[in-house]
């Protein structure tokens, strides 16, 4: 972002003389070293198994199944298979893994933060989420299984409404490959277009009372009648976020676990939160929330959460 807002540093030669260049080099060394390690370990695994698990076109049955379904390749496996066929270079793979490392934790962590804050300020919504989580977990042996996560429909609406109000990625850019007519305006091919997601998500044409937190905006019958591009927390089209389903499962797992074990009470309030615009939206100061163990088993809840975050009780 430092470089983006200083056009003279777009020139690589000028940027080399900036103090930020050394900082960027240091950060990239850490990032690339980590992703290269992951890629190398996975390649060694496939070499040790003779590439058996890279043949995704083979319909022959093997013993590696999940339930009744055949094991699917991870994204990294698909890219390694493509590199073996000279369709991707090692640097191509690294760029994709870099993206996963960033998008897989940074955006999700901010969405979780805002969800927690909203639930603390809307006790009725929090109670409804907790009741749903407890009921679904009871039906699934007290665990948040994949089936359980898929049945947390109200929690999913809460997460979607959070990302409407506070989209982690607040704008996206596209370079037009062809002319686009917007009502009476012609946007020429080659133009760079910036899509303002924050204000799109508060457009009165699609979102009545846009500043109100209302998860039921995402009831199926309302979504069906809404313009498909009125809501873009994961972008859209052929270049949308390929990890959006995984991100929703992550968020459901974390929030579902918290709701099952704790009642959340506000200390800091959203009205006092000041956001900063980095590559994603960030909160400029530490946020405090009170976690009160639920009555089901206070000692067990405290211990489970302490183990989850890695602290001693």
Protein backbone atom coordinates (compact mmCIF):
# COMPACT_ATOMS: atom_id res chain seq x y z
CA UNK A 1 0.00 0.00 0.00
CA UNK A 2 2.95 2.31 0.71
CA UNK A 3 4.16 1.83 -2.84
CA UNK A 4 0.69 1.98 -4.37
CA UNK A 5 0.06 5.50 -3.05
CA UNK A 6 3.48 6.77 -4.20
CA UNK A 7 3.42 6.53 -8.01
CA UNK A 8 7.14 7.33 -8.34
CA UNK A 9 7.92 4.04 -6.58
CA UNK A 10 6.11 2.06 -9.27
CA UNK A 11 9.42 2.41 -11.09
CA UNK A 12 11.55 -0.50 -9.82
CA UNK A 13 14.83 1.38 -10.07
CA UNK A 14 13.54 4.22 -7.87
CA UNK A 15 12.01 1.75 -5.41
CA UNK A 16 15.41 0.03 -4.97
CA UNK A 17 16.67 3.19 -3.22
CA UNK A 18 13.73 3.26 -0.79
CA UNK A 19 14.04 1.94 2.77
CA UNK A 20 10.85 0.03 2.10
CA UNK A 21 12.62 -2.06 -0.55
CA UNK A 22 14.78 -3.72 2.13
CA UNK A 23 11.72 -4.28 4.27
CA UNK A 24 9.84 -5.81 1.35
CA UNK A 25 12.78 -8.08 0.52
CA UNK A 26 12.89 -9.30 4.13
CA UNK A 27 9.15 -9.99 4.22
CA UNK A 28 9.19 -11.80 0.88
CA UNK A 29 12.07 -13.98 2.08
CA UNK A 30 9.96 -15.15 5.01
CA UNK A 31 6.84 -15.69 2.88
CA UNK A 32 8.53 -17.41 -0.04
CA UNK A 33 10.68 -19.54 2.24
CA UNK A 34 7.58 -20.87 3.96
CA UNK A 35 5.61 -21.58 0.79
CA UNK A 36 8.61 -23.15 -0.95
CA UNK A 37 9.00 -25.47 2.03
CA UNK A 38 5.35 -26.58 1.75
CA UNK A 39 5.67 -27.18 -2.00
CA UNK A 40 8.95 -29.12 -1.60
CA UNK A 41 7.48 -31.34 1.13
CA UNK A 42 4.44 -32.14 -0.99
CA UNK A 43 6.58 -32.91 -4.04
CA UNK A 44 8.74 -35.28 -1.97
CA UNK A 45 5.57 -37.03 -0.81
CA UNK A 46 4.44 -37.62 -4.40
CA UNK A 47 7.91 -38.78 -5.39
CA UNK A 48 7.92 -41.29 -2.52
CA UNK A 49 4.53 -42.65 -3.65
CA UNK A 50 5.52 -42.80 -7.31
CA UNK A 51 3.03 -40.09 -8.27
CA UNK A 52 0.15 -42.45 -7.53
CA UNK A 53 -2.07 -39.74 -6.09
CA UNK A 54 -1.52 -37.30 -8.95
CA UNK A 55 -3.36 -39.39 -11.51
CA UNK A 56 -6.70 -37.70 -11.02
CA UNK A 57 -8.02 -39.04 -14.34
CA UNK A 58 -7.69 -42.63 -13.17
CA UNK A 59 -11.11 -44.04 -12.32
CA UNK A 60 -9.70 -47.21 -10.77
CA UNK A 61 -10.76 -47.73 -7.18
CA UNK A 62 -8.16 -47.69 -4.42
CA UNK A 63 -8.19 -47.87 -0.64
CA UNK A 64 -7.89 -44.12 -0.11
CA UNK A 65 -11.49 -43.10 0.37
CA UNK A 66 -13.33 -40.74 2.65
CA UNK A 67 -16.51 -42.55 3.64
CA UNK A 68 -18.02 -43.77 0.40
CA UNK A 69 -16.36 -41.07 -1.67
CA UNK A 70 -13.03 -41.23 -3.40
CA UNK A 71 -10.27 -39.03 -2.04
CA UNK A 72 -9.98 -35.74 -3.95
CA UNK A 73 -6.80 -33.96 -4.82
CA UNK A 74 -5.91 -30.80 -2.94
CA UNK A 75 -5.32 -27.63 -4.97
CA UNK A 76 -1.57 -27.95 -4.47
CA UNK A 77 -1.66 -31.51 -5.84
CA UNK A 78 -3.42 -30.29 -8.98
CA UNK A 79 -0.77 -27.63 -9.51
CA UNK A 80 2.07 -30.11 -8.98
CA UNK A 81 0.44 -32.42 -11.53
CA UNK A 82 0.23 -29.48 -13.96
CA UNK A 83 3.90 -28.67 -13.37
CA UNK A 84 4.84 -32.27 -14.19
CA UNK A 85 3.19 -31.70 -17.57
CA UNK A 86 5.06 -28.39 -18.03
CA UNK A 87 1.84 -26.42 -17.66
CA UNK A 88 3.00 -24.51 -14.57
CA UNK A 89 6.43 -23.42 -13.34
CA UNK A 90 7.59 -23.58 -9.73
CA UNK A 91 7.19 -19.79 -9.47
CA UNK A 92 3.60 -20.09 -10.77
CA UNK A 93 2.82 -22.60 -8.02
CA UNK A 94 4.48 -20.43 -5.39
CA UNK A 95 2.38 -17.42 -6.37
CA UNK A 96 -0.82 -19.41 -5.95
CA UNK A 97 0.28 -20.80 -2.57
CA UNK A 98 1.25 -17.27 -1.47
CA UNK A 99 -2.28 -16.16 -2.29
CA UNK A 100 -3.78 -19.02 -0.30
CA UNK A 101 -1.58 -18.23 2.69
CA UNK A 102 -2.69 -14.59 2.68
CA UNK A 103 -6.36 -15.04 1.83
CA UNK A 104 -6.68 -18.11 4.01
CA UNK A 105 -6.03 -16.32 7.28
CA UNK A 106 -5.95 -12.55 6.96
CA UNK A 107 -9.39 -11.94 5.49
CA UNK A 108 -11.02 -14.67 7.59
CA UNK A 109 -9.55 -13.31 10.83
CA UNK A 110 -11.05 -9.87 10.20
CA UNK A 111 -14.44 -11.33 9.28
CA UNK A 112 -14.39 -13.33 12.52
CA UNK A 113 -13.48 -10.22 14.52
CA UNK A 114 -16.42 -8.24 13.16
CA UNK A 115 -18.78 -11.20 13.59
CA UNK A 116 -17.86 -11.50 17.26
CA UNK A 117 -18.35 -7.77 17.79
CA UNK A 118 -21.75 -7.80 16.09
CA UNK A 119 -22.92 -10.82 18.08
CA UNK A 120 -21.93 -9.16 21.36
CA UNK A 121 -24.07 -6.14 20.47
CA UNK A 122 -27.07 -8.16 19.25
CA UNK A 123 -27.92 -10.52 22.09
CA UNK A 124 -31.07 -11.83 20.39
CA UNK A 125 -29.09 -12.85 17.32
CA UNK A 126 -26.35 -14.40 19.49
CA UNK A 127 -28.92 -16.48 21.41
CA UNK A 128 -30.51 -17.67 18.20
CA UNK A 129 -27.12 -18.70 16.79
CA UNK A 130 -26.29 -20.54 20.03
CA UNK A 131 -29.61 -22.41 20.03
CA UNK A 132 -29.04 -23.47 16.43
CA UNK A 133 -25.46 -24.60 17.10
CA UNK A 134 -26.45 -26.58 20.20
CA UNK A 135 -29.35 -28.27 18.42
CA UNK A 136 -27.26 -29.21 15.37
CA UNK A 137 -24.39 -30.47 17.53
CA UNK A 138 -26.79 -32.61 19.57
CA UNK A 139 -28.00 -34.21 16.36
CA UNK A 140 -24.40 -34.95 15.37
CA UNK A 141 -23.08 -36.55 18.53
CA UNK A 142 -21.91 -33.32 20.13
CA UNK A 143 -19.49 -32.53 17.31
CA UNK A 144 -19.24 -29.95 14.55
CA UNK A 145 -19.03 -32.41 11.67
CA UNK A 146 -19.16 -31.45 8.00
CA UNK A 147 -22.86 -32.26 8.01
CA UNK A 148 -23.37 -30.13 11.09
CA UNK A 149 -21.60 -27.15 9.51
CA UNK A 150 -23.82 -27.39 6.43
CA UNK A 151 -26.92 -27.29 8.64
CA UNK A 152 -25.95 -24.06 10.43
CA UNK A 153 -28.11 -21.95 8.13
CA UNK A 154 -28.81 -19.04 10.47
CA UNK A 155 -25.14 -18.76 11.44
CA UNK A 156 -24.30 -18.67 7.75
CA UNK A 157 -26.73 -15.77 7.27
CA UNK A 158 -25.05 -13.95 10.17
CA UNK A 159 -21.64 -14.39 8.58
CA UNK A 160 -22.91 -13.16 5.22
CA UNK A 161 -24.51 -10.11 6.82
CA UNK A 162 -21.25 -9.37 8.66
CA UNK A 163 -19.34 -9.46 5.37
CA UNK A 164 -21.95 -7.20 3.82
CA UNK A 165 -21.37 -4.56 6.49
CA UNK A 166 -17.62 -5.13 6.85
CA UNK A 167 -16.19 -6.78 3.73
CA UNK A 168 -12.58 -7.76 4.42
CA UNK A 169 -11.68 -6.96 0.82
CA UNK A 170 -13.25 -3.56 0.34
CA UNK A 171 -12.44 -3.02 -3.34
CA UNK A 172 -11.37 -5.00 -6.37
CA UNK A 173 -9.96 -3.89 -9.69
CA UNK A 174 -10.42 -5.24 -13.18
CA UNK A 175 -8.81 -4.35 -16.51
CA UNK A 176 -11.47 -4.38 -19.21
CA UNK A 177 -10.80 -6.73 -22.12
CA UNK A 178 -13.55 -5.11 -24.20
CA UNK A 179 -15.75 -2.00 -24.29
CA UNK A 180 -18.50 -1.95 -21.66
CA UNK A 181 -21.62 0.21 -21.88
CA UNK A 182 -22.89 1.40 -18.47
CA UNK A 183 -26.25 3.03 -19.17
CA UNK A 184 -25.20 6.04 -21.30
CA UNK A 185 -21.47 5.78 -20.48
CA UNK A 186 -18.97 3.85 -22.56
CA UNK A 187 -16.02 2.45 -20.59
CA UNK A 188 -13.30 1.60 -23.14
CA UNK A 189 -11.32 -1.61 -23.34
CA UNK A 190 -8.02 -1.40 -21.50
CA UNK A 191 -9.44 0.81 -18.73
CA UNK A 192 -8.78 -0.13 -15.11
CA UNK A 193 -12.08 -0.29 -13.21
CA UNK A 194 -12.28 -0.08 -9.40
CA UNK A 195 -15.33 -1.69 -7.77
CA UNK A 196 -16.19 -0.12 -4.41
CA UNK A 197 -17.58 -3.08 -2.45
CA UNK A 198 -18.26 -1.16 0.78
CA UNK A 199 -20.70 1.26 -0.84
CA UNK A 200 -22.09 -1.41 -3.17
CA UNK A 201 -23.13 -3.35 -0.06
CA UNK A 202 -24.99 -0.29 1.23
CA UNK A 203 -26.76 0.62 -2.00
CA UNK A 204 -30.36 1.52 -1.10
CA UNK A 205 -31.59 0.00 -4.36
CA UNK A 206 -30.73 -3.45 -2.98
CA UNK A 207 -30.34 -3.06 0.79
CA UNK A 208 -33.13 -1.25 2.73
CA UNK A 209 -31.81 0.25 6.00
CA UNK A 210 -28.29 -0.76 4.98
CA UNK A 211 -26.64 0.16 8.30
CA UNK A 212 -28.84 -2.26 10.27
CA UNK A 213 -27.45 -5.73 11.08
CA UNK A 214 -30.15 -8.10 9.80
CA UNK A 215 -29.08 -11.68 8.96
CA UNK A 216 -32.50 -12.43 7.47
CA UNK A 217 -31.58 -10.33 4.45
CA UNK A 218 -30.04 -13.59 3.26
CA UNK A 219 -33.15 -15.74 3.46
CA UNK A 220 -33.35 -17.79 0.23
CA UNK A 221 -36.46 -16.02 -1.06
CA UNK A 222 -34.79 -12.61 -0.68
CA UNK A 223 -31.49 -13.70 -2.22
CA UNK A 224 -33.30 -15.16 -5.21
CA UNK A 225 -34.82 -11.80 -6.12
CA UNK A 226 -31.64 -9.77 -5.60
CA UNK A 227 -29.16 -8.87 -8.32
CA UNK A 228 -26.36 -11.49 -8.24
CA UNK A 229 -23.65 -8.78 -8.21
CA UNK A 230 -25.20 -6.71 -5.42
CA UNK A 231 -23.15 -8.74 -2.93
CA UNK A 232 -19.45 -9.32 -3.63
CA UNK A 233 -17.49 -10.27 -0.46
CA UNK A 234 -15.62 -12.91 -2.46
CA UNK A 235 -15.64 -11.03 -5.78
CA UNK A 236 -17.55 -12.73 -8.64
CA UNK A 237 -17.19 -14.13 -12.11
CA UNK A 238 -14.30 -16.18 -13.43
CA UNK A 239 -11.81 -14.52 -11.05
CA UNK A 240 -13.77 -14.91 -7.83
CA UNK A 241 -12.30 -16.36 -4.63
CA UNK A 242 -11.80 -20.09 -5.11
CA UNK A 243 -11.57 -20.57 -1.33
CA UNK A 244 -14.91 -19.04 -0.37
CA UNK A 245 -16.57 -22.32 0.65
CA UNK A 246 -13.57 -23.24 2.77
CA UNK A 247 -13.60 -19.78 4.36
CA UNK A 248 -17.27 -20.19 5.32
CA UNK A 249 -16.53 -23.58 6.91
CA UNK A 250 -13.63 -22.06 8.86
CA UNK A 251 -15.80 -19.23 10.17
CA UNK A 252 -18.70 -21.53 11.03
CA UNK A 253 -16.34 -23.80 12.96
CA UNK A 254 -14.80 -20.99 15.01
CA UNK A 255 -18.02 -19.07 15.73
CA UNK A 256 -19.97 -22.29 16.31
CA UNK A 257 -17.41 -23.46 18.88
CA UNK A 258 -17.47 -20.10 20.67
CA UNK A 259 -21.28 -20.01 20.74
CA UNK A 260 -21.44 -23.55 22.12
CA UNK A 261 -19.03 -22.76 24.96
CA UNK A 262 -19.47 -19.08 25.75
CA UNK A 263 -21.81 -16.15 26.08
CA UNK A 264 -20.23 -13.03 24.58
CA UNK A 265 -20.64 -9.66 26.26
CA UNK A 266 -19.45 -6.30 24.90
CA UNK A 267 -16.62 -4.26 26.33
CA UNK A 268 -15.59 -2.30 23.24
CA UNK A 269 -18.30 -1.23 20.81
CA UNK A 270 -18.38 -1.01 17.04
CA UNK A 271 -19.28 2.68 17.15
CA UNK A 272 -15.86 3.33 18.72
CA UNK A 273 -13.91 1.14 16.31
CA UNK A 274 -11.69 2.92 13.79
CA UNK A 275 -10.85 0.99 10.67
CA UNK A 276 -7.82 1.43 8.45
CA UNK A 277 -7.58 0.53 4.78
CA UNK A 278 -4.62 -1.69 4.05
CA UNK A 279 -4.89 -4.32 1.32
CA UNK A 280 -7.85 -5.42 3.44
CA UNK A 281 -9.90 -3.55 6.05
CA UNK A 282 -8.22 -3.67 9.45
CA UNK A 283 -9.07 -2.49 12.95
CA UNK A 284 -6.66 0.09 14.26
CA UNK A 285 -6.64 -0.95 17.92
CA UNK A 286 -7.02 -4.08 20.10
CA UNK A 287 -10.64 -5.13 20.60
CA UNK A 288 -11.90 -6.43 23.95
CA UNK A 289 -14.83 -8.84 24.37
CA UNK A 290 -15.94 -10.63 27.54
CA UNK A 291 -16.18 -14.43 27.24
CA UNK A 292 -18.51 -15.93 29.86
CA UNK A 293 -18.52 -19.76 30.00
CA UNK A 294 -21.98 -21.15 29.32
CA UNK A 295 -23.94 -22.88 32.07
CA UNK A 296 -23.69 -26.31 30.45
CA UNK A 297 -20.28 -26.84 32.08
CA UNK A 298 -18.27 -23.76 32.98
CA UNK A 299 -15.09 -25.63 33.91
CA UNK A 300 -15.15 -27.78 30.77
CA UNK A 301 -15.86 -24.79 28.53
CA UNK A 302 -12.97 -22.79 29.98
CA UNK A 303 -10.59 -25.70 29.64
CA UNK A 304 -11.63 -26.46 26.06
CA UNK A 305 -11.14 -22.86 24.97
CA UNK A 306 -7.82 -22.57 26.80
CA UNK A 307 -6.58 -25.67 24.99
CA UNK A 308 -7.84 -24.22 21.70
CA UNK A 309 -5.86 -20.98 22.04
CA UNK A 310 -2.85 -22.69 23.64
CA UNK A 311 -2.86 -21.19 27.12
CA UNK A 312 -2.66 -22.84 30.54
CA UNK A 313 -5.65 -22.97 32.91
